[in-house]
């Protein structure tokens, strides 16, 4: 079962997320901010209170998103290629 193993709030209502399958990247919460209980996330201090919760993520007042939703919309970080100079 897919799980969120780490989540950190970033600027502009995005989250850095790590998943149990090894993927990581940014998840944009902005599309959810005008919907029902998610409007409370517009408060930047409250937004920062996000934590992993069961398999997904949640905030204190029970706003939550599943790991599957996050995985589907995740913008994965590109792998950085390290180039070494040989002398």
Protein backbone atom coordinates (compact mmCIF):
# COMPACT_ATOMS: atom_id res chain seq x y z
CA UNK A 1 0.00 0.00 0.00
CA UNK A 2 1.35 3.41 -1.01
CA UNK A 3 2.06 5.80 1.88
CA UNK A 4 3.31 9.34 2.36
CA UNK A 5 6.51 9.04 4.40
CA UNK A 6 7.40 12.74 4.59
CA UNK A 7 5.62 16.02 3.91
CA UNK A 8 6.82 19.61 4.27
CA UNK A 9 4.95 22.81 3.47
CA UNK A 10 6.63 25.03 0.90
CA UNK A 11 5.87 28.49 -0.46
CA UNK A 12 2.94 29.20 -2.75
CA UNK A 13 0.73 26.47 -1.23
CA UNK A 14 2.81 23.56 -2.41
CA UNK A 15 4.11 20.59 -0.46
CA UNK A 16 7.28 18.57 -0.74
CA UNK A 17 6.23 14.93 -0.47
CA UNK A 18 8.13 11.64 -0.24
CA UNK A 19 6.26 8.41 -0.98
CA UNK A 20 6.95 4.87 0.21
CA UNK A 21 7.73 3.76 -3.37
CA UNK A 22 10.73 6.11 -3.49
CA UNK A 23 9.17 8.91 -5.50
CA UNK A 24 9.37 12.49 -4.24
CA UNK A 25 8.41 15.89 -5.52
CA UNK A 26 6.02 18.80 -5.26
CA UNK A 27 2.27 18.62 -4.81
CA UNK A 28 0.28 21.77 -5.61
CA UNK A 29 -2.57 22.32 -3.16
CA UNK A 30 -3.86 25.51 -4.85
CA UNK A 31 -6.57 23.72 -6.90
CA UNK A 32 -8.15 22.55 -3.63
CA UNK A 33 -8.13 25.90 -1.76
CA UNK A 34 -11.60 26.99 -2.95
CA UNK A 35 -13.30 23.68 -2.14
CA UNK A 36 -15.25 23.10 1.08
CA UNK A 37 -13.14 22.34 4.14
CA UNK A 38 -9.91 23.07 2.25
CA UNK A 39 -10.56 26.85 2.29
CA UNK A 40 -9.02 26.94 5.78
CA UNK A 41 -5.68 25.99 4.18
CA UNK A 42 -5.43 29.54 2.77
CA UNK A 43 -4.10 30.54 6.20
CA UNK A 44 -0.35 30.09 5.65
CA UNK A 45 0.33 29.33 9.32
CA UNK A 46 -2.34 26.64 9.33
CA UNK A 47 -1.12 25.27 5.98
CA UNK A 48 2.28 24.60 7.59
CA UNK A 49 0.69 22.20 10.11
CA UNK A 50 0.41 19.38 7.55
CA UNK A 51 1.59 15.93 8.71
CA UNK A 52 1.63 12.39 7.33
CA UNK A 53 -1.60 10.70 8.44
CA UNK A 54 -2.31 7.00 7.93
CA UNK A 55 -1.36 6.58 4.25
CA UNK A 56 -1.86 10.19 3.15
CA UNK A 57 -1.57 13.64 4.70
CA UNK A 58 -3.79 15.70 6.99
CA UNK A 59 -4.16 18.98 8.84
CA UNK A 60 -5.50 19.36 12.42
CA UNK A 61 -9.12 20.05 11.43
CA UNK A 62 -9.34 16.83 9.43
CA UNK A 63 -8.65 18.11 5.93
CA UNK A 64 -6.89 15.20 4.27
CA UNK A 65 -5.61 13.90 0.97
CA UNK A 66 -4.85 10.29 0.08
CA UNK A 67 -1.45 9.03 -1.02
CA UNK A 68 -3.05 7.97 -4.32
CA UNK A 69 -4.30 11.50 -5.04
CA UNK A 70 -0.88 12.92 -4.23
CA UNK A 71 0.92 10.33 -6.36
CA UNK A 72 -1.35 11.03 -9.34
CA UNK A 73 -0.68 14.79 -9.22
CA UNK A 74 2.93 14.70 -7.96
CA UNK A 75 5.49 16.69 -9.93
CA UNK A 76 8.53 14.51 -9.44
CA UNK A 77 11.91 16.08 -8.90
CA UNK A 78 14.26 15.43 -11.75
CA UNK A 79 17.28 13.34 -10.98
CA UNK A 80 20.36 15.51 -10.71
CA UNK A 81 23.30 14.29 -12.70
CA UNK A 82 26.65 14.80 -11.07
CA UNK A 83 29.51 15.38 -13.45
CA UNK A 84 33.03 14.89 -12.18
CA UNK A 85 36.01 16.50 -13.81
CA UNK A 86 38.87 14.09 -14.33
CA UNK A 87 42.35 15.60 -14.26
